[in-house]
């Protein structure tokens, strides 16, 4: 860990004063205004050690109007949605729900593509779920790696074959019952997502 403190001068023009309000206006989002900055979320997060910003630090950045810093960080994508932070938060902030909102904002503003190749993965995941009613892991991973990281796919091939042979990855997708109704609902949800500012 770097022992020297790095100071960063923030220009007022780079701050987004509406960012905190946008987060607070989402369902259950207003609780972010009650954040005590106690660090309980960061202490209980099993992934804190690999996050660019811990949840406590991320919330401080949101309150400071550091929109592009927050939306381009890896924290929101590495969050495993274990909900431990929500269980322990003394202010009862729905931290995981806020992380989902930040992911959507990151994709909508295209800031996600700066550090992580996540936008394409999420679109492929979305297509898979709409097509089958659930994710087809083998098809999703194959499409993603083939399109974006073909060399990585070759490296992962032995592991993939082993997982298929042991029944962890299914070769053929399993479709849900009443797929037509599900697709209608999914298309409606996706349409309303596009219409949401």
Protein backbone atom coordinates (compact mmCIF):
# COMPACT_ATOMS: atom_id res chain seq x y z
CA UNK A 1 0.00 0.00 0.00
CA UNK A 2 1.32 3.46 -0.90
CA UNK A 3 2.34 5.28 2.29
CA UNK A 4 2.29 8.73 0.72
CA UNK A 5 -0.93 10.68 0.70
CA UNK A 6 -1.99 11.80 -2.73
CA UNK A 7 -3.77 15.13 -2.80
CA UNK A 8 -6.07 15.94 -5.66
CA UNK A 9 -7.31 19.42 -6.46
CA UNK A 10 -10.93 19.32 -7.54
CA UNK A 11 -12.17 22.08 -9.80
CA UNK A 12 -15.71 23.23 -8.97
CA UNK A 13 -16.79 22.86 -12.62
CA UNK A 14 -16.03 19.13 -12.48
CA UNK A 15 -18.51 18.57 -9.64
CA UNK A 16 -22.11 17.54 -10.29
CA UNK A 17 -24.29 19.10 -7.62
CA UNK A 18 -27.36 17.18 -8.86
CA UNK A 19 -25.70 13.75 -8.57
CA UNK A 20 -26.55 13.24 -4.89
CA UNK A 21 -30.12 14.43 -5.51
CA UNK A 22 -30.49 11.95 -8.41
CA UNK A 23 -29.39 9.06 -6.18
CA UNK A 24 -31.56 10.26 -3.28
CA UNK A 25 -34.63 10.41 -5.56
CA UNK A 26 -34.44 6.73 -6.46
CA UNK A 27 -36.60 4.26 -4.45
CA UNK A 28 -35.05 3.92 -0.97
CA UNK A 29 -32.24 6.20 -2.16
CA UNK A 30 -33.06 9.04 0.22
CA UNK A 31 -31.43 7.09 3.04
CA UNK A 32 -28.02 7.96 1.56
CA UNK A 33 -28.57 11.40 3.12
CA UNK A 34 -28.44 9.68 6.53
CA UNK A 35 -25.01 8.14 5.92
CA UNK A 36 -22.90 8.53 9.06
CA UNK A 37 -19.62 7.71 7.28
CA UNK A 38 -19.05 5.16 10.07
CA UNK A 39 -17.35 2.67 7.73
CA UNK A 40 -19.44 -0.35 8.79
CA UNK A 41 -20.28 -1.10 5.14
CA UNK A 42 -16.61 -1.11 4.20
CA UNK A 43 -15.64 -3.23 7.21
CA UNK A 44 -18.25 -5.91 6.44
CA UNK A 45 -17.70 -5.97 2.66
CA UNK A 46 -15.87 -9.21 1.77
CA UNK A 47 -14.43 -7.54 -1.34
CA UNK A 48 -13.18 -4.30 0.27
CA UNK A 49 -9.55 -5.24 -0.40
CA UNK A 50 -9.96 -5.21 -4.18
CA UNK A 51 -12.34 -2.27 -4.54
CA UNK A 52 -11.08 0.96 -6.04
CA UNK A 53 -13.22 2.80 -3.46
CA UNK A 54 -14.83 1.17 -0.43
CA UNK A 55 -18.60 1.73 -0.07
CA UNK A 56 -17.98 4.42 2.60
CA UNK A 57 -15.52 6.21 0.31
CA UNK A 58 -17.91 5.85 -2.65
CA UNK A 59 -20.74 7.47 -0.68
CA UNK A 60 -18.45 10.34 0.31
CA UNK A 61 -17.65 10.83 -3.39
CA UNK A 62 -21.36 10.83 -4.27
CA UNK A 63 -22.03 13.48 -1.63
CA UNK A 64 -19.10 15.51 -2.99
CA UNK A 65 -20.58 15.50 -6.51
CA UNK A 66 -17.81 13.36 -8.02
CA UNK A 67 -20.12 11.78 -10.60
CA UNK A 68 -17.56 10.70 -13.22
CA UNK A 69 -15.21 9.30 -10.55
CA UNK A 70 -18.01 7.21 -9.05
CA UNK A 71 -19.51 6.00 -12.33
CA UNK A 72 -16.16 5.03 -13.84
CA UNK A 73 -14.89 3.18 -10.75
CA UNK A 74 -14.70 -0.60 -10.53
CA UNK A 75 -16.45 -0.66 -7.14
CA UNK A 76 -19.99 -0.77 -8.49
CA UNK A 77 -19.13 -3.69 -10.80
CA UNK A 78 -17.17 -5.77 -8.29
CA UNK A 79 -19.96 -5.56 -5.68
CA UNK A 80 -21.22 -9.15 -5.34
CA UNK A 81 -24.66 -8.16 -3.98
CA UNK A 82 -24.16 -10.21 -0.81
CA UNK A 83 -26.27 -7.66 1.13
CA UNK A 84 -24.04 -7.90 4.22
CA UNK A 85 -23.57 -4.12 4.15
CA UNK A 86 -27.33 -3.56 4.28
CA UNK A 87 -27.73 -5.95 7.22
CA UNK A 88 -25.08 -4.13 9.27
CA UNK A 89 -25.71 -0.50 8.24
CA UNK A 90 -26.86 1.49 11.32
CA UNK A 91 -28.63 4.02 9.03
CA UNK A 92 -30.40 1.18 7.15
CA UNK A 93 -29.17 2.45 3.79
CA UNK A 94 -30.02 0.12 0.89
CA UNK A 95 -26.42 0.09 -0.30
CA UNK A 96 -26.79 -2.77 -2.78
CA UNK A 97 -29.83 -1.12 -4.38
CA UNK A 98 -27.82 2.09 -4.78
CA UNK A 99 -25.01 0.07 -6.40
CA UNK A 100 -27.52 -1.23 -8.97
CA UNK A 101 -28.67 2.32 -9.69
CA UNK A 102 -25.03 3.41 -10.12
CA UNK A 103 -24.42 0.54 -12.54
CA UNK A 104 -27.35 1.64 -14.69
CA UNK A 105 -26.18 5.27 -14.62
CA UNK A 106 -22.65 4.16 -15.48
CA UNK A 107 -23.89 2.27 -18.53
CA UNK A 108 -26.25 5.05 -19.61
CA UNK A 109 -23.47 7.66 -19.45
CA UNK A 110 -20.99 5.23 -21.04
CA UNK A 111 -18.53 5.84 -18.22
CA UNK A 112 -18.42 2.09 -17.56
CA UNK A 113 -16.38 1.56 -20.72
CA UNK A 114 -13.47 3.63 -19.42
CA UNK A 115 -12.11 0.96 -17.10
CA UNK A 116 -14.19 -2.16 -17.51
CA UNK A 117 -15.59 -3.92 -20.55
CA UNK A 118 -18.93 -4.39 -18.86
CA UNK A 119 -21.44 -2.70 -21.13
CA UNK A 120 -21.24 -5.37 -23.83
CA UNK A 121 -21.38 -8.15 -21.24
CA UNK A 122 -24.57 -6.74 -19.73
CA UNK A 123 -26.20 -6.41 -23.16
CA UNK A 124 -25.34 -10.03 -23.96
CA UNK A 125 -26.71 -11.11 -20.56
CA UNK A 126 -29.91 -9.14 -21.21
CA UNK A 127 -30.34 -10.80 -24.62
CA UNK A 128 -29.80 -14.26 -23.14
CA UNK A 129 -32.38 -13.74 -20.40
CA UNK A 130 -34.98 -12.32 -22.81
CA UNK A 131 -34.39 -15.19 -25.25
CA UNK A 132 -34.59 -18.10 -22.78
CA UNK A 133 -36.19 -16.63 -19.66
CA UNK A 134 -32.98 -17.26 -17.75
CA UNK A 135 -29.26 -16.97 -18.36
CA UNK A 136 -27.53 -19.61 -20.46
CA UNK A 137 -24.05 -19.36 -18.96
CA UNK A 138 -22.16 -21.29 -21.63
CA UNK A 139 -23.70 -19.31 -24.48
CA UNK A 140 -23.16 -16.02 -22.67
CA UNK A 141 -19.51 -16.69 -21.82
CA UNK A 142 -18.78 -18.04 -25.30
CA UNK A 143 -20.30 -15.02 -27.07
CA UNK A 144 -18.61 -12.55 -24.76
CA UNK A 145 -15.13 -14.09 -24.94
CA UNK A 146 -15.36 -14.84 -28.66
CA UNK A 147 -16.29 -11.24 -29.47
CA UNK A 148 -14.04 -9.44 -26.99
CA UNK A 149 -11.28 -11.73 -25.73
CA UNK A 150 -10.68 -14.66 -28.12
CA UNK A 151 -7.23 -15.46 -26.68
CA UNK A 152 -8.68 -15.57 -23.17
CA UNK A 153 -11.30 -17.99 -24.47
CA UNK A 154 -8.58 -20.39 -25.64
CA UNK A 155 -6.96 -20.22 -22.20
CA UNK A 156 -10.29 -20.94 -20.49
CA UNK A 157 -11.22 -23.82 -22.83
CA UNK A 158 -9.80 -26.67 -20.64
CA UNK A 159 -11.66 -25.34 -17.59
CA UNK A 160 -14.85 -24.94 -19.65
CA UNK A 161 -14.66 -28.55 -20.90
CA UNK A 162 -14.11 -29.79 -17.34
CA UNK A 163 -17.14 -27.81 -16.11
CA UNK A 164 -19.31 -29.21 -18.93
CA UNK A 165 -18.21 -32.79 -18.18
CA UNK A 166 -18.97 -32.32 -14.47
CA UNK A 167 -22.40 -30.85 -15.21
CA UNK A 168 -21.68 -27.31 -14.03
CA UNK A 169 -22.26 -25.80 -17.48
CA UNK A 170 -25.16 -26.93 -19.65
CA UNK A 171 -24.50 -27.16 -23.40
CA UNK A 172 -28.10 -26.39 -24.33
CA UNK A 173 -30.17 -23.59 -22.80
CA UNK A 174 -33.14 -24.43 -20.60
CA UNK A 175 -36.18 -22.32 -21.47
CA UNK A 176 -38.78 -21.39 -18.88
CA UNK A 177 -42.48 -22.19 -19.23
CA UNK A 178 -44.70 -19.46 -20.71
CA UNK A 179 -41.75 -17.80 -22.41
CA UNK A 180 -44.10 -15.63 -24.50
CA UNK A 181 -45.54 -13.90 -21.41
CA UNK A 182 -42.07 -13.48 -19.94
CA UNK A 183 -40.72 -11.89 -23.14
CA UNK A 184 -43.69 -9.51 -23.25
CA UNK A 185 -42.95 -8.47 -19.65
CA UNK A 186 -39.19 -8.19 -20.33
CA UNK A 187 -39.69 -6.04 -23.45
CA UNK A 188 -42.05 -3.80 -21.48
CA UNK A 189 -39.46 -3.42 -18.69
CA UNK A 190 -36.68 -2.68 -21.18
CA UNK A 191 -38.84 -0.11 -22.94
CA UNK A 192 -39.64 1.70 -19.68
CA UNK A 193 -35.91 1.60 -18.78
CA UNK A 194 -35.10 3.38 -22.06
CA UNK A 195 -37.76 6.00 -21.39
CA UNK A 196 -36.47 6.69 -17.86
CA UNK A 197 -34.31 9.86 -17.85
